PDB file of N, CA and C in Angstrom:
ATOM      1  N   MET A   1     126.362 -12.440 -50.025  1.00  0.00           N
ATOM      2  CA  MET A   1     126.551 -11.191 -50.594  1.00  0.00           C
ATOM      3  C   MET A   1     127.099 -11.378 -52.024  1.00  0.00           C
ATOM      4  N   ALA A   2     126.245 -11.017 -52.965  1.00  0.00           N
ATOM      5  CA  ALA A   2     126.676 -11.157 -54.318  1.00  0.00           C
ATOM      6  C   ALA A   2     127.157  -9.923 -54.962  1.00  0.00           C
ATOM      7  N   LEU A   3     128.273  -9.916 -55.549  1.00  0.00           N
ATOM      8  CA  LEU A   3     128.776  -8.719 -56.227  1.00  0.00           C
ATOM      9  C   LEU A   3     128.056  -8.438 -57.512  1.00  0.00           C
ATOM     10  N   PHE A   4     127.693  -9.416 -58.256  1.00  0.00           N
ATOM     11  CA  PHE A   4     126.894  -9.243 -59.521  1.00  0.00           C
ATOM     12  C   PHE A   4     125.644  -9.878 -59.449  1.00  0.00           C
ATOM     13  N   GLY A   5     124.644  -9.177 -59.107  1.00  0.00           N
ATOM     14  CA  GLY A   5     123.325  -9.595 -59.004  1.00  0.00           C
ATOM     15  C   GLY A   5     122.468  -9.524 -60.270  1.00  0.00           C
ATOM     16  N   ASN A   6     121.410 -10.245 -60.339  1.00  0.00           N
ATOM     17  CA  ASN A   6     120.512 -10.176 -61.491  1.00  0.00           C
ATOM     18  C   ASN A   6     119.495  -9.154 -61.353  1.00  0.00           C
ATOM     19  N   ASN A   7     119.322  -8.570 -60.193  1.00  0.00           N
ATOM     20  CA  ASN A   7     118.319  -7.570 -59.970  1.00  0.00           C
ATOM     21  C   ASN A   7     118.757  -6.175 -60.385  1.00  0.00           C
ATOM     22  N   LYS A   8     118.359  -5.838 -61.538  1.00  0.00           N
ATOM     23  CA  LYS A   8     118.775  -4.464 -62.157  1.00  0.00           C
ATOM     24  C   LYS A   8     117.513  -3.649 -62.282  1.00  0.00           C
ATOM     25  N   LYS A   9     117.713  -2.413 -61.843  1.00  0.00           N
ATOM     26  CA  LYS A   9     116.566  -1.490 -62.055  1.00  0.00           C
ATOM     27  C   LYS A   9     116.534  -1.016 -63.517  1.00  0.00           C
ATOM     28  N   LYS A  10     115.428  -1.086 -64.125  1.00  0.00           N
ATOM     29  CA  LYS A  10     115.170  -0.639 -65.474  1.00  0.00           C
ATOM     30  C   LYS A  10     114.802   0.807 -65.544  1.00  0.00           C
ATOM     31  N   ALA A  11     115.558   1.646 -66.213  1.00  0.00           N
ATOM     32  CA  ALA A  11     115.261   3.035 -66.311  1.00  0.00           C
ATOM     33  C   ALA A  11     114.216   3.220 -67.426  1.00  0.00           C
ATOM     34  N   VAL A  12     113.267   3.995 -67.207  1.00  0.00           N
ATOM     35  CA  VAL A  12     112.281   4.309 -68.184  1.00  0.00           C
ATOM     36  C   VAL A  12     112.775   5.487 -69.041  1.00  0.00           C
ATOM     37  N   LYS A  13     112.939   5.173 -70.385  1.00  0.00           N
ATOM     38  CA  LYS A  13     113.407   6.262 -71.248  1.00  0.00           C
ATOM     39  C   LYS A  13     112.266   7.097 -71.766  1.00  0.00           C
ATOM     40  N   ALA A  14     112.437   8.384 -71.796  1.00  0.00           N
ATOM     41  CA  ALA A  14     111.444   9.250 -72.309  1.00  0.00           C
ATOM     42  C   ALA A  14     111.579   9.255 -73.878  1.00  0.00           C
ATOM     43  N   PRO A  15     110.451   9.250 -74.636  1.00  0.00           N
ATOM     44  CA  PRO A  15     110.603   9.209 -76.082  1.00  0.00           C
ATOM     45  C   PRO A  15     111.299  10.493 -76.581  1.00  0.00           C
ATOM     46  N   LYS A  16     112.205  10.297 -77.471  1.00  0.00           N
ATOM     47  CA  LYS A  16     112.870  11.488 -78.046  1.00  0.00           C
ATOM     48  C   LYS A  16     111.960  12.265 -79.014  1.00  0.00           C
ATOM     49  N   ALA A  17     112.079  13.609 -78.907  1.00  0.00           N
ATOM     50  CA  ALA A  17     111.333  14.449 -79.789  1.00  0.00           C
ATOM     51  C   ALA A  17     112.101  14.539 -81.124  1.00  0.00           C
ATOM     52  N   GLN A  18     111.373  14.285 -82.187  1.00  0.00           N
ATOM     53  CA  GLN A  18     112.035  14.301 -83.468  1.00  0.00           C
ATOM     54  C   GLN A  18     112.331  15.754 -83.912  1.00  0.00           C
ATOM     55  N   ALA A  19     113.469  15.963 -84.425  1.00  0.00           N
ATOM     56  CA  ALA A  19     113.730  17.336 -84.966  1.00  0.00           C
ATOM     57  C   ALA A  19     112.878  17.561 -86.266  1.00  0.00           C
ATOM     58  N   PRO A  20     112.438  18.720 -86.493  1.00  0.00           N
ATOM     59  CA  PRO A  20     111.665  19.014 -87.705  1.00  0.00           C
ATOM     60  C   PRO A  20     112.580  18.860 -88.842  1.00  0.00           C
ATOM     61  N   LYS A  21     111.970  18.429 -90.044  1.00  0.00           N
ATOM     62  CA  LYS A  21     112.772  18.282 -91.235  1.00  0.00           C
ATOM     63  C   LYS A  21     113.314  19.594 -91.678  1.00  0.00           C
ATOM     64  N   ALA A  22     114.491  19.557 -92.179  1.00  0.00           N
ATOM     65  CA  ALA A  22     115.143  20.779 -92.721  1.00  0.00           C
ATOM     66  C   ALA A  22     114.459  21.241 -93.936  1.00  0.00           C
ATOM     67  N   THR A  23     114.092  22.527 -93.944  1.00  0.00           N
ATOM     68  CA  THR A  23     113.449  23.115 -95.171  1.00  0.00           C
ATOM     69  C   THR A  23     114.552  23.822 -95.897  1.00  0.00           C
ATOM     70  N   ILE A  24     114.444  23.875 -97.224  1.00  0.00           N
ATOM     71  CA  ILE A  24     115.433  24.533 -98.029  1.00  0.00           C
ATOM     72  C   ILE A  24     115.137  26.002 -98.113  1.00  0.00           C
ATOM     73  N   ALA A  25     115.818  26.818 -97.337  1.00  0.00           N
ATOM     74  CA  ALA A  25     115.583  28.185 -97.410  1.00  0.00           C
ATOM     75  C   ALA A  25     117.066  28.839 -97.249  1.00  0.00           C
ATOM     76  N   ASP A  26     117.217  30.003 -97.900  1.00  0.00           N
ATOM     77  CA  ASP A  26     118.460  30.648 -97.874  1.00  0.00           C
ATOM     78  C   ASP A  26     118.589  31.425 -96.607  1.00  0.00           C
ATOM     79  N   THR A  27     118.906  30.772 -95.475  1.00  0.00           N
ATOM     80  CA  THR A  27     119.106  31.485 -94.253  1.00  0.00           C
ATOM     81  C   THR A  27     120.628  31.664 -94.069  1.00  0.00           C
ATOM     82  N   ALA A  28     121.108  32.782 -94.018  1.00  0.00           N
ATOM     83  CA  ALA A  28     122.533  33.055 -93.819  1.00  0.00           C
ATOM     84  C   ALA A  28     123.391  32.477 -94.886  1.00  0.00           C
ATOM     85  N   GLY A  29     122.926  32.461 -96.148  1.00  0.00           N
ATOM     86  CA  GLY A  29     123.774  31.974 -97.232  1.00  0.00           C
ATOM     87  C   GLY A  29     124.003  30.513 -97.379  1.00  0.00           C
ATOM     88  N   VAL A  30     122.960  29.712 -97.000  1.00  0.00           N
ATOM     89  CA  VAL A  30     123.077  28.255 -97.056  1.00  0.00           C
ATOM     90  C   VAL A  30     123.170  27.822 -98.522  1.00  0.00           C
ATOM     91  N   LEU A  31     122.509  28.466 -99.414  1.00  0.00           N
ATOM     92  CA  LEU A  31     122.493  28.052-100.793  1.00  0.00           C
ATOM     93  C   LEU A  31     123.711  28.675-101.577  1.00  0.00           C
ATOM     94  N   GLU A  32     124.452  29.487-100.941  1.00  0.00           N
ATOM     95  CA  GLU A  32     125.585  30.033-101.564  1.00  0.00           C
ATOM     96  C   GLU A  32     126.671  29.056-101.926  1.00  0.00           C
ATOM     97  N   GLY A  33     127.105  29.064-103.173  1.00  0.00           N
ATOM     98  CA  GLY A  33     128.138  28.102-103.578  1.00  0.00           C
ATOM     99  C   GLY A  33     127.548  26.725-104.081  1.00  0.00           C
ATOM    100  N   LYS A  34     126.235  26.567-104.303  1.00  0.00           N
ATOM    101  CA  LYS A  34     125.686  25.275-104.597  1.00  0.00           C
ATOM    102  C   LYS A  34     125.757  25.174-106.113  1.00  0.00           C
ATOM    103  N   LEU A  35     125.773  26.292-106.801  1.00  0.00           N
ATOM    104  CA  LEU A  35     125.941  26.256-108.347  1.00  0.00           C
ATOM    105  C   LEU A  35     127.250  26.939-108.659  1.00  0.00           C
ATOM    106  N   THR A  36     128.128  26.214-109.380  1.00  0.00           N
ATOM    107  CA  THR A  36     129.430  26.766-109.811  1.00  0.00           C
ATOM    108  C   THR A  36     129.184  27.791-111.033  1.00  0.00           C
ATOM    109  N   GLY A  37     128.341  27.322-112.063  1.00  0.00           N
ATOM    110  CA  GLY A  37     128.095  28.121-113.156  1.00  0.00           C
ATOM    111  C   GLY A  37     127.399  27.212-114.185  1.00  0.00           C
ATOM    112  N   PRO A  38     127.053  27.875-115.341  1.00  0.00           N
ATOM    113  CA  PRO A  38     126.364  27.095-116.436  1.00  0.00           C
ATOM    114  C   PRO A  38     127.504  26.272-117.142  1.00  0.00           C
ATOM    115  N   TRP A  39     127.008  25.145-117.667  1.00  0.00           N
ATOM    116  CA  TRP A  39     127.905  24.227-118.357  1.00  0.00           C
ATOM    117  C   TRP A  39     127.725  24.489-119.896  1.00  0.00           C
ATOM    118  N   PHE A  40     128.801  25.006-120.553  1.00  0.00           N
ATOM    119  CA  PHE A  40     128.683  25.315-121.872  1.00  0.00           C
ATOM    120  C   PHE A  40     129.297  24.289-122.758  1.00  0.00           C
ATOM    121  N   SER A  41     128.472  23.511-123.454  1.00  0.00           N
ATOM    122  CA  SER A  41     128.994  22.532-124.424  1.00  0.00           C
ATOM    123  C   SER A  41     127.953  22.410-125.610  1.00  0.00           C
ATOM    124  N   GLU A  42     128.339  21.776-126.575  1.00  0.00           N
ATOM    125  CA  GLU A  42     127.390  21.671-127.720  1.00  0.00           C
ATOM    126  C   GLU A  42     126.119  20.942-127.306  1.00  0.00           C
ATOM    127  N   LYS A  43     126.266  19.839-126.572  1.00  0.00           N
ATOM    128  CA  LYS A  43     125.152  19.001-126.147  1.00  0.00           C
ATOM    129  C   LYS A  43     124.252  19.807-125.220  1.00  0.00           C
ATOM    130  N   ALA A  44     124.903  20.627-124.322  1.00  0.00           N
ATOM    131  CA  ALA A  44     124.173  21.438-123.347  1.00  0.00           C
ATOM    132  C   ALA A  44     123.275  22.564-124.060  1.00  0.00           C
ATOM    133  N   LEU A  45     123.926  23.164-125.106  1.00  0.00           N
ATOM    134  CA  LEU A  45     123.161  24.190-125.854  1.00  0.00           C
ATOM    135  C   LEU A  45     122.040  23.585-126.626  1.00  0.00           C
ATOM    136  N   ILE A  46     122.121  22.411-127.177  1.00  0.00           N
ATOM    137  CA  ILE A  46     121.093  21.720-127.825  1.00  0.00           C
ATOM    138  C   ILE A  46     119.898  21.463-126.902  1.00  0.00           C
ATOM    139  N   GLY A  47     120.305  21.094-125.624  1.00  0.00           N
ATOM    140  CA  GLY A  47     119.274  20.778-124.594  1.00  0.00           C
ATOM    141  C   GLY A  47     118.472  21.976-124.199  1.00  0.00           C
ATOM    142  N   THR A  48     119.014  23.186-124.324  1.00  0.00           N
ATOM    143  CA  THR A  48     118.277  24.363-123.833  1.00  0.00           C
ATOM    144  C   THR A  48     117.056  24.588-124.677  1.00  0.00           C
ATOM    145  N   GLU A  49     117.048  24.076-125.894  1.00  0.00           N
ATOM    146  CA  GLU A  49     115.822  24.297-126.795  1.00  0.00           C
ATOM    147  C   GLU A  49     114.655  23.425-126.228  1.00  0.00           C
ATOM    148  N   LYS A  50     115.041  22.340-125.556  1.00  0.00           N
ATOM    149  CA  LYS A  50     114.034  21.347-125.051  1.00  0.00           C
ATOM    150  C   LYS A  50     113.711  21.700-123.517  1.00  0.00           C
ATOM    151  N   GLY A  51     114.337  22.748-123.008  1.00  0.00           N
ATOM    152  CA  GLY A  51     113.991  23.047-121.617  1.00  0.00           C
ATOM    153  C   GLY A  51     114.862  22.395-120.609  1.00  0.00           C
ATOM    154  N   VAL A  52     116.037  21.880-121.030  1.00  0.00           N
ATOM    155  CA  VAL A  52     117.013  21.238-120.127  1.00  0.00           C
ATOM    156  C   VAL A  52     118.230  22.064-120.088  1.00  0.00           C
ATOM    157  N   TYR A  53     118.580  22.538-118.859  1.00  0.00           N
ATOM    158  CA  TYR A  53     119.737  23.380-118.621  1.00  0.00           C
ATOM    159  C   TYR A  53     120.752  22.620-117.850  1.00  0.00           C
ATOM    160  N   VAL A  54     122.001  22.812-118.207  1.00  0.00           N
ATOM    161  CA  VAL A  54     123.128  22.071-117.485  1.00  0.00           C
ATOM    162  C   VAL A  54     123.980  23.078-116.670  1.00  0.00           C
ATOM    163  N   PHE A  55     124.300  22.642-115.435  1.00  0.00           N
ATOM    164  CA  PHE A  55     125.104  23.509-114.570  1.00  0.00           C
ATOM    165  C   PHE A  55     126.233  22.690-113.968  1.00  0.00           C
ATOM    166  N   SER A  56     127.333  23.364-113.724  1.00  0.00           N
ATOM    167  CA  SER A  56     128.483  22.789-113.070  1.00  0.00           C
ATOM    168  C   SER A  56     128.215  23.016-111.604  1.00  0.00           C
ATOM    169  N   ILE A  57     128.298  21.915-110.763  1.00  0.00           N
ATOM    170  CA  ILE A  57     128.046  22.001-109.378  1.00  0.00           C
ATOM    171  C   ILE A  57     129.225  21.445-108.559  1.00  0.00           C
ATOM    172  N   PRO A  58     129.363  21.937-107.247  1.00  0.00           N
ATOM    173  CA  PRO A  58     130.386  21.237-106.428  1.00  0.00           C
ATOM    174  C   PRO A  58     130.030  19.823-106.087  1.00  0.00           C
ATOM    175  N   MET A  59     131.067  18.960-105.513  1.00  0.00           N
ATOM    176  CA  MET A  59     130.843  17.673-105.164  1.00  0.00           C
ATOM    177  C   MET A  59     129.782  17.438-104.081  1.00  0.00           C
ATOM    178  N   HIS A  60     129.668  18.367-103.203  1.00  0.00           N
ATOM    179  CA  HIS A  60     128.781  18.186-102.010  1.00  0.00           C
ATOM    180  C   HIS A  60     127.355  18.673-102.159  1.00  0.00           C
ATOM    181  N   SER A  61     127.033  19.202-103.460  1.00  0.00           N
ATOM    182  CA  SER A  61     125.671  19.701-103.596  1.00  0.00           C
ATOM    183  C   SER A  61     124.710  18.496-103.918  1.00  0.00           C
ATOM    184  N   THR A  62     123.499  18.652-103.414  1.00  0.00           N
ATOM    185  CA  THR A  62     122.426  17.619-103.675  1.00  0.00           C
ATOM    186  C   THR A  62     121.425  18.165-104.659  1.00  0.00           C
ATOM    187  N   LYS A  63     120.506  17.281-105.029  1.00  0.00           N
ATOM    188  CA  LYS A  63     119.415  17.727-105.894  1.00  0.00           C
ATOM    189  C   LYS A  63     118.582  18.756-105.357  1.00  0.00           C
ATOM    190  N   LYS A  64     118.272  18.672-104.054  1.00  0.00           N
ATOM    191  CA  LYS A  64     117.398  19.684-103.478  1.00  0.00           C
ATOM    192  C   LYS A  64     118.118  21.018-103.304  1.00  0.00           C
ATOM    193  N   ASP A  65     119.400  20.979-103.072  1.00  0.00           N
ATOM    194  CA  ASP A  65     120.202  22.202-103.014  1.00  0.00           C
ATOM    195  C   ASP A  65     120.238  22.906-104.363  1.00  0.00           C
ATOM    196  N   VAL A  66     120.416  22.086-105.454  1.00  0.00           N
ATOM    197  CA  VAL A  66     120.422  22.652-106.832  1.00  0.00           C
ATOM    198  C   VAL A  66     119.161  23.280-107.206  1.00  0.00           C
ATOM    199  N   ALA A  67     118.020  22.475-106.841  1.00  0.00           N
ATOM    200  CA  ALA A  67     116.671  23.032-107.212  1.00  0.00           C
ATOM    201  C   ALA A  67     116.360  24.349-106.450  1.00  0.00           C
ATOM    202  N   ALA A  68     116.781  24.390-105.211  1.00  0.00           N
ATOM    203  CA  ALA A  68     116.517  25.667-104.385  1.00  0.00           C
ATOM    204  C   ALA A  68     117.395  26.802-104.908  1.00  0.00           C
ATOM    205  N   ALA A  69     118.607  26.475-105.309  1.00  0.00           N
ATOM    206  CA  ALA A  69     119.485  27.523-105.871  1.00  0.00           C
ATOM    207  C   ALA A  69     118.944  28.081-107.164  1.00  0.00           C
ATOM    208  N   ILE A  70     118.506  27.238-108.086  1.00  0.00           N
ATOM    209  CA  ILE A  70     117.910  27.572-109.371  1.00  0.00           C
ATOM    210  C   ILE A  70     116.660  28.500-109.129  1.00  0.00           C
ATOM    211  N   GLU A  71     115.850  28.070-108.210  1.00  0.00           N
ATOM    212  CA  GLU A  71     114.641  28.750-107.862  1.00  0.00           C
ATOM    213  C   GLU A  71     114.914  30.171-107.371  1.00  0.00           C
ATOM    214  N   LYS A  72     115.975  30.248-106.540  1.00  0.00           N
ATOM    215  CA  LYS A  72     116.307  31.564-105.953  1.00  0.00           C
ATOM    216  C   LYS A  72     116.989  32.533-106.983  1.00  0.00           C
ATOM    217  N   MET A  73     117.923  31.916-107.723  1.00  0.00           N
ATOM    218  CA  MET A  73     118.689  32.822-108.670  1.00  0.00           C
ATOM    219  C   MET A  73     117.927  33.173-110.000  1.00  0.00           C
ATOM    220  N   TYR A  74     117.217  32.156-110.528  1.00  0.00           N
ATOM    221  CA  TYR A  74     116.614  32.428-111.847  1.00  0.00           C
ATOM    222  C   TYR A  74     115.103  32.623-111.822  1.00  0.00           C
ATOM    223  N   LYS A  75     114.446  32.448-110.555  1.00  0.00           N
ATOM    224  CA  LYS A  75     113.037  32.631-110.368  1.00  0.00           C
ATOM    225  C   LYS A  75     112.170  31.699-111.308  1.00  0.00           C
ATOM    226  N   VAL A  76     112.707  30.490-111.441  1.00  0.00           N
ATOM    227  CA  VAL A  76     111.903  29.425-112.112  1.00  0.00           C
ATOM    228  C   VAL A  76     111.958  28.267-111.253  1.00  0.00           C
ATOM    229  N   THR A  77     110.910  27.368-111.306  1.00  0.00           N
ATOM    230  CA  THR A  77     110.836  26.166-110.490  1.00  0.00           C
ATOM    231  C   THR A  77     111.209  25.013-111.385  1.00  0.00           C
ATOM    232  N   PRO A  78     112.273  24.213-111.084  1.00  0.00           N
ATOM    233  CA  PRO A  78     112.550  23.075-111.875  1.00  0.00           C
ATOM    234  C   PRO A  78     111.531  21.903-111.657  1.00  0.00           C
ATOM    235  N   THR A  79     111.267  21.136-112.694  1.00  0.00           N
ATOM    236  CA  THR A  79     110.453  19.993-112.531  1.00  0.00           C
ATOM    237  C   THR A  79     111.272  18.813-112.144  1.00  0.00           C
ATOM    238  N   GLN A  80     112.445  18.797-112.532  1.00  0.00           N
ATOM    239  CA  GLN A  80     113.342  17.553-112.242  1.00  0.00           C
ATOM    240  C   GLN A  80     114.760  17.988-112.270  1.00  0.00           C
ATOM    241  N   VAL A  81     115.597  17.418-111.436  1.00  0.00           N
ATOM    242  CA  VAL A  81     117.050  17.645-111.418  1.00  0.00           C
ATOM    243  C   VAL A  81     117.784  16.240-111.408  1.00  0.00           C
ATOM    244  N   ARG A  82     118.663  16.103-112.406  1.00  0.00           N
ATOM    245  CA  ARG A  82     119.443  14.927-112.454  1.00  0.00           C
ATOM    246  C   ARG A  82     120.945  15.327-112.290  1.00  0.00           C
ATOM    247  N   ILE A  83     121.679  14.466-111.626  1.00  0.00           N
ATOM    248  CA  ILE A  83     123.115  14.794-111.384  1.00  0.00           C
ATOM    249  C   ILE A  83     123.979  13.678-111.990  1.00  0.00           C
ATOM    250  N   ALA A  84     125.086  14.193-112.657  1.00  0.00           N
ATOM    251  CA  ALA A  84     125.974  13.182-113.285  1.00  0.00           C
ATOM    252  C   ALA A  84     127.385  13.475-112.705  1.00  0.00           C
ATOM    253  N   ASN A  85     128.096  12.436-112.301  1.00  0.00           N
ATOM    254  CA  ASN A  85     129.497  12.559-111.822  1.00  0.00           C
ATOM    255  C   ASN A  85     130.385  12.181-112.934  1.00  0.00           C
ATOM    256  N   LEU A  86     131.313  13.087-113.311  1.00  0.00           N
ATOM    257  CA  LEU A  86     132.270  12.774-114.429  1.00  0.00           C
ATOM    258  C   LEU A  86     133.638  12.444-113.743  1.00  0.00           C
ATOM    259  N   PRO A  87     134.240  11.326-114.113  1.00  0.00           N
ATOM    260  CA  PRO A  87     135.415  10.781-113.507  1.00  0.00           C
ATOM    261  C   PRO A  87     136.626  11.673-113.930  1.00  0.00           C
ATOM    262  N   ALA A  88     137.720  11.571-113.214  1.00  0.00           N
ATOM    263  CA  ALA A  88     138.942  12.206-113.627  1.00  0.00           C
ATOM    264  C   ALA A  88     139.475  11.453-114.823  1.00  0.00           C
ATOM    265  N   LYS A  89     140.249  12.238-115.716  1.00  0.00           N
ATOM    266  CA  LYS A  89     140.715  11.660-116.875  1.00  0.00           C
ATOM    267  C   LYS A  89     142.285  11.751-116.887  1.00  0.00           C
ATOM    268  N   LYS A  90     142.947  10.714-117.398  1.00  0.00           N
ATOM    269  CA  LYS A  90     144.383  10.790-117.615  1.00  0.00           C
ATOM    270  C   LYS A  90     144.736  11.511-118.889  1.00  0.00           C
ATOM    271  N   LYS A  91     145.492  12.464-118.791  1.00  0.00           N
ATOM    272  CA  LYS A  91     145.880  13.214-119.966  1.00  0.00           C
ATOM    273  C   LYS A  91     147.392  13.273-120.192  1.00  0.00           C
ATOM    274  N   ALA A  92     147.881  13.130-121.366  1.00  0.00           N
ATOM    275  CA  ALA A  92     149.294  13.213-121.672  1.00  0.00           C
ATOM    276  C   ALA A  92     149.733  14.632-121.664  1.00  0.00           C
ATOM    277  N   LEU A  93     150.807  14.962-120.947  1.00  0.00           N
ATOM    278  CA  LEU A  93     151.312  16.313-120.905  1.00  0.00           C
ATOM    279  C   LEU A  93     152.087  16.588-122.152  1.00  0.00           C
ATOM    280  N   ARG A  94     152.195  17.812-122.525  1.00  0.00           N
ATOM    281  CA  ARG A  94     152.831  18.160-123.751  1.00  0.00           C
ATOM    282  C   ARG A  94     154.384  17.970-123.759  1.00  0.00           C
ATOM    283  N   THR A  95     154.912  17.987-122.521  1.00  0.00           N
ATOM    284  CA  THR A  95     156.314  17.785-122.406  1.00  0.00           C
ATOM    285  C   THR A  95     156.667  16.290-122.155  1.00  0.00           C
ATOM    286  N   ARG A  96     157.829  16.027-121.777  1.00  0.00           N
ATOM    287  CA  ARG A  96     158.187  14.667-121.482  1.00  0.00           C
ATOM    288  C   ARG A  96     157.858  14.299-120.042  1.00  0.00           C
ATOM    289  N   ARG A  97     157.137  15.061-119.389  1.00  0.00           N
ATOM    290  CA  ARG A  97     156.867  14.723-117.946  1.00  0.00           C
ATOM    291  C   ARG A  97     155.950  13.602-117.712  1.00  0.00           C
ATOM    292  N   GLY A  98     155.348  13.106-118.748  1.00  0.00           N
ATOM    293  CA  GLY A  98     154.469  11.982-118.550  1.00  0.00           C
ATOM    294  C   GLY A  98     152.966  12.171-118.650  1.00  0.00           C
ATOM    295  N   VAL A  99     152.243  11.718-117.640  1.00  0.00           N
ATOM    296  CA  VAL A  99     150.794  11.762-117.676  1.00  0.00           C
ATOM    297  C   VAL A  99     150.279  12.548-116.464  1.00  0.00           C
ATOM    298  N   GLY A 100     149.383  13.343-116.713  1.00  0.00           N
ATOM    299  CA  GLY A 100     148.769  14.139-115.607  1.00  0.00           C
ATOM    300  C   GLY A 100     147.229  13.773-115.548  1.00  0.00           C
ATOM    301  N   SER A 101     146.561  14.290-114.577  1.00  0.00           N
ATOM    302  CA  SER A 101     145.096  13.866-114.512  1.00  0.00           C
ATOM    303  C   SER A 101     144.287  15.086-114.397  1.00  0.00           C
ATOM    304  N   ARG A 102     143.123  15.110-115.179  1.00  0.00           N
ATOM    305  CA  ARG A 102     142.181  16.139-115.123  1.00  0.00           C
ATOM    306  C   ARG A 102     141.208  15.955-113.929  1.00  0.00           C
ATOM    307  N   ALA A 103     140.811  16.990-113.217  1.00  0.00           N
ATOM    308  CA  ALA A 103     140.059  16.839-112.057  1.00  0.00           C
ATOM    309  C   ALA A 103     138.640  16.212-112.393  1.00  0.00           C
ATOM    310  N   ARG A 104     138.113  15.508-111.445  1.00  0.00           N
ATOM    311  CA  ARG A 104     136.787  14.974-111.638  1.00  0.00           C
ATOM    312  C   ARG A 104     135.761  16.100-111.473  1.00  0.00           C
ATOM    313  N   ARG A 105     134.664  16.057-112.094  1.00  0.00           N
ATOM    314  CA  ARG A 105     133.699  17.029-112.116  1.00  0.00           C
ATOM    315  C   ARG A 105     132.260  16.518-111.901  1.00  0.00           C
ATOM    316  N   ARG A 106     131.375  17.473-111.664  1.00  0.00           N
ATOM    317  CA  ARG A 106     129.961  17.089-111.436  1.00  0.00           C
ATOM    318  C   ARG A 106     129.052  18.072-112.100  1.00  0.00           C
ATOM    319  N   LYS A 107     128.044  17.585-112.710  1.00  0.00           N
ATOM    320  CA  LYS A 107     127.120  18.494-113.428  1.00  0.00           C
ATOM    321  C   LYS A 107     125.684  18.080-113.064  1.00  0.00           C
ATOM    322  N   ALA A 108     124.783  19.098-113.187  1.00  0.00           N
ATOM    323  CA  ALA A 108     123.332  18.878-112.944  1.00  0.00           C
ATOM    324  C   ALA A 108     122.576  19.255-114.156  1.00  0.00           C
ATOM    325  N   TYR A 109     121.588  18.287-114.506  1.00  0.00           N
ATOM    326  CA  TYR A 109     120.662  18.691-115.559  1.00  0.00           C
ATOM    327  C   TYR A 109     119.412  19.095-114.904  1.00  0.00           C
ATOM    328  N   VAL A 110     119.006  20.389-115.179  1.00  0.00           N
ATOM    329  CA  VAL A 110     117.797  20.976-114.678  1.00  0.00           C
ATOM    330  C   VAL A 110     116.718  20.961-115.725  1.00  0.00           C
ATOM    331  N   TYR A 111     115.572  20.364-115.445  1.00  0.00           N
ATOM    332  CA  TYR A 111     114.426  20.371-116.360  1.00  0.00           C
ATOM    333  C   TYR A 111     113.465  21.369-115.917  1.00  0.00           C
ATOM    334  N   LEU A 112     113.022  22.149-116.896  1.00  0.00           N
ATOM    335  CA  LEU A 112     111.961  23.228-116.669  1.00  0.00           C
ATOM    336  C   LEU A 112     110.662  22.833-117.316  1.00  0.00           C
ATOM    337  N   LYS A 113     109.592  23.505-116.892  1.00  0.00           N
ATOM    338  CA  LYS A 113     108.338  23.401-117.518  1.00  0.00           C
ATOM    339  C   LYS A 113     108.414  24.061-118.917  1.00  0.00           C
ATOM    340  N   LYS A 114     107.464  23.667-119.788  1.00  0.00           N
ATOM    341  CA  LYS A 114     107.348  24.243-121.075  1.00  0.00           C
ATOM    342  C   LYS A 114     107.025  25.820-120.909  1.00  0.00           C
ATOM    343  N   GLY A 115     107.760  26.643-121.562  1.00  0.00           N
ATOM    344  CA  GLY A 115     107.601  28.060-121.481  1.00  0.00           C
ATOM    345  C   GLY A 115     108.557  28.748-120.522  1.00  0.00           C
ATOM    346  N   ASP A 116     109.120  28.077-119.551  1.00  0.00           N
ATOM    347  CA  ASP A 116     110.051  28.655-118.688  1.00  0.00           C
ATOM    348  C   ASP A 116     111.445  28.573-119.329  1.00  0.00           C
ATOM    349  N   THR A 117     112.243  29.655-119.161  1.00  0.00           N
ATOM    350  CA  THR A 117     113.558  29.749-119.712  1.00  0.00           C
ATOM    351  C   THR A 117     114.480  30.379-118.688  1.00  0.00           C
ATOM    352  N   ILE A 118     115.777  30.178-118.988  1.00  0.00           N
ATOM    353  CA  ILE A 118     116.802  30.799-118.216  1.00  0.00           C
ATOM    354  C   ILE A 118     117.711  31.442-119.157  1.00  0.00           C
ATOM    355  N   THR A 119     118.060  32.723-118.892  1.00  0.00           N
ATOM    356  CA  THR A 119     118.971  33.476-119.722  1.00  0.00           C
ATOM    357  C   THR A 119     120.347  33.645-118.978  1.00  0.00           C
ATOM    358  N   PHE A 120     121.395  33.371-119.629  1.00  0.00           N
ATOM    359  CA  PHE A 120     122.766  33.471-119.144  1.00  0.00           C
ATOM    360  C   PHE A 120     123.411  34.705-119.592  1.00  0.00           C
ATOM    361  N   ALA A 121     122.963  35.831-119.233  1.00  0.00           N
ATOM    362  CA  ALA A 121     123.586  37.067-119.679  1.00  0.00           C
ATOM    363  C   ALA A 121     123.495  38.206-118.749  1.00  0.00           C
TER     364      ALA A 121
END
């Protein structure tokens, strides 16, 4: 009588059904909060003449989220989205308290087709 035998029954596993890929649709406010707002700087305003718009986005937003939010809010389809992470900066405080830090930020560069524009008003 062996306690630990070599005869093991092999269970047949059924193949798992793959879940369908998530589509980007605004169901129940999924795209809400994916764009914080437009990024106003000198460089960003120069880029608007070339069809490149810059937006401030939260840290958890992805390129697909940003593209879908632009499409929904401004009714234009972006050709390309690039994301830049800006690190936190050490800044001297005006009093003798020492050094503080500015928060890290994230921005998205949204490229549009020629002729497409976005108005911020």
